[in-house]
Amino acid sequence: MKKTLLFSTLITVFILIGCAGPSKIMNSWVGRTKAQLYQSWGPPNRITDDGQGGQILIYSATVNLTQTPGTVYNNNNGGINYTAPQNNQYSRTRMFYVNPSGVIYSWRWQGY
């Protein structure tokens, strides 16, 4: 019982810490300038219109985690089958909304 409660508590804490990480970083950019963001992060992958005279600066990346190795095995008919290796990855996107004066006023992120 105690182990289950401890495990559940630890999982909850890690989830809360993990979710706060990107949000805290992103929120720290609100009120700063596009030039400051470029100096720190470099140019974005894409820029689009925000519909209010400003821009949305989009930073995206593919994060590679691991690769599951391929396998070779015998099938029921005496033949050999092969399973190709699989890449384990995910996409991550960070979007900064910049007003016409070049000041970041909002943000959004997807993928950790």
Protein backbone atom coordinates (compact mmCIF):
# COMPACT_ATOMS: atom_id res chain seq x y z
CA MET A 1 0.00 0.00 0.00
CA LYS A 2 2.76 2.46 0.98
CA LYS A 3 4.79 1.62 -2.14
CA THR A 4 1.77 2.24 -4.38
CA LEU A 5 1.07 5.61 -2.74
CA LEU A 6 4.73 6.62 -2.99
CA PHE A 7 4.90 5.56 -6.64
CA SER A 8 1.69 7.46 -7.50
CA THR A 9 2.95 10.58 -5.74
CA LEU A 10 6.29 10.47 -7.56
CA ILE A 11 4.62 10.04 -10.94
CA THR A 12 2.33 13.00 -10.24
CA VAL A 13 5.27 15.20 -9.20
CA PHE A 14 7.27 14.30 -12.33
CA ILE A 15 4.29 15.04 -14.57
CA LEU A 16 3.74 18.42 -12.95
CA ILE A 17 7.43 19.35 -13.17
CA GLY A 18 7.62 18.22 -16.79
CA CYS A 19 4.57 20.22 -17.83
CA ALA A 20 5.80 23.35 -16.10
CA GLY A 21 9.18 23.28 -17.87
CA PRO A 22 8.31 24.42 -21.40
CA SER A 23 5.55 26.75 -20.17
CA LYS A 24 7.90 28.52 -17.79
CA ILE A 25 10.52 28.98 -20.51
CA MET A 26 7.97 30.17 -23.06
CA ASN A 27 6.32 32.56 -20.61
CA SER A 28 9.70 34.17 -19.87
CA TRP A 29 9.70 35.53 -23.44
CA VAL A 30 6.47 37.52 -23.13
CA GLY A 31 7.36 41.24 -23.22
CA ARG A 32 10.77 40.64 -24.80
CA THR A 33 11.60 41.52 -28.39
CA LYS A 34 11.82 39.52 -31.57
CA ALA A 35 15.49 40.60 -31.84
CA GLN A 36 16.23 39.13 -28.40
CA LEU A 37 14.57 35.86 -29.41
CA TYR A 38 16.64 35.72 -32.61
CA GLN A 39 19.83 36.31 -30.63
CA SER A 40 18.99 33.44 -28.30
CA TRP A 41 17.20 30.92 -30.52
CA GLY A 42 18.38 31.93 -34.00
CA PRO A 43 16.00 32.43 -36.92
CA PRO A 44 12.73 30.47 -36.86
CA ASN A 45 11.94 27.63 -39.26
CA ARG A 46 8.85 29.50 -40.46
CA ILE A 47 7.17 32.87 -40.10
CA THR A 48 3.46 33.47 -40.68
CA ASP A 49 0.98 36.31 -40.23
CA ASP A 50 -0.87 36.50 -36.90
CA GLY A 51 -3.90 38.22 -38.47
CA GLN A 52 -3.38 41.37 -36.36
CA GLY A 53 -0.48 42.99 -38.22
CA GLY A 54 2.14 40.96 -36.38
CA GLN A 55 3.87 37.65 -36.93
CA ILE A 56 4.03 34.14 -35.58
CA LEU A 57 7.60 32.84 -35.35
CA ILE A 58 7.58 29.05 -35.56
CA TYR A 59 10.45 26.90 -34.31
CA SER A 60 10.07 23.19 -35.01
CA ALA A 61 12.29 20.17 -34.58
CA THR A 62 12.17 16.40 -34.69
CA VAL A 63 13.52 14.78 -31.55
CA ASN A 64 15.07 11.34 -32.05
CA LEU A 65 14.79 9.15 -28.98
CA THR A 66 16.01 5.67 -29.79
CA GLN A 67 15.88 3.05 -32.48
CA THR A 68 14.21 -0.31 -31.98
CA PRO A 69 16.47 -2.84 -33.67
CA GLY A 70 15.29 -5.06 -36.48
CA THR A 71 14.74 -8.73 -35.78
CA VAL A 72 15.20 -11.93 -37.74
CA TYR A 73 13.05 -14.91 -36.82
CA ASN A 74 11.83 -18.24 -38.19
CA ASN A 75 8.20 -18.42 -39.22
CA ASN A 76 5.93 -21.48 -38.94
CA ASN A 77 6.61 -22.54 -42.54
CA GLY A 78 10.36 -22.90 -42.01
CA GLY A 79 11.11 -19.57 -43.67
CA ILE A 80 12.85 -16.55 -42.26
CA ASN A 81 11.10 -13.25 -41.58
CA TYR A 82 12.70 -9.88 -40.96
CA THR A 83 11.33 -6.86 -39.12
CA ALA A 84 13.00 -3.57 -40.07
CA PRO A 85 14.40 -1.23 -37.40
CA GLN A 86 12.00 1.47 -36.18
CA ASN A 87 13.00 5.05 -35.32
CA ASN A 88 11.31 6.39 -32.21
CA GLN A 89 10.87 10.14 -32.54
CA TYR A 90 8.44 12.99 -32.06
CA SER A 91 7.97 16.53 -33.34
CA ARG A 92 8.15 19.59 -31.17
CA THR A 93 6.93 23.08 -32.08
CA ARG A 94 7.35 26.42 -30.31
CA MET A 95 5.35 29.43 -31.57
CA PHE A 96 5.91 33.03 -30.52
CA TYR A 97 3.33 35.70 -31.35
CA VAL A 98 4.96 39.07 -32.08
CA ASN A 99 3.06 42.37 -32.32
CA PRO A 100 3.79 44.98 -35.06
CA SER A 101 6.27 46.70 -32.70
CA GLY A 102 8.34 43.50 -32.50
CA VAL A 103 7.36 42.57 -28.93
CA ILE A 104 6.34 39.01 -28.04
CA TYR A 105 2.82 39.03 -26.62
CA SER A 106 1.89 35.34 -26.54
CA TRP A 107 3.16 31.83 -27.23
CA ARG A 108 2.11 28.25 -27.81
CA TRP A 109 3.94 24.94 -27.75
CA GLN A 110 3.25 21.37 -28.86
CA GLY A 111 5.35 18.34 -28.06
CA TYR A 112 7.74 18.24 -25.17
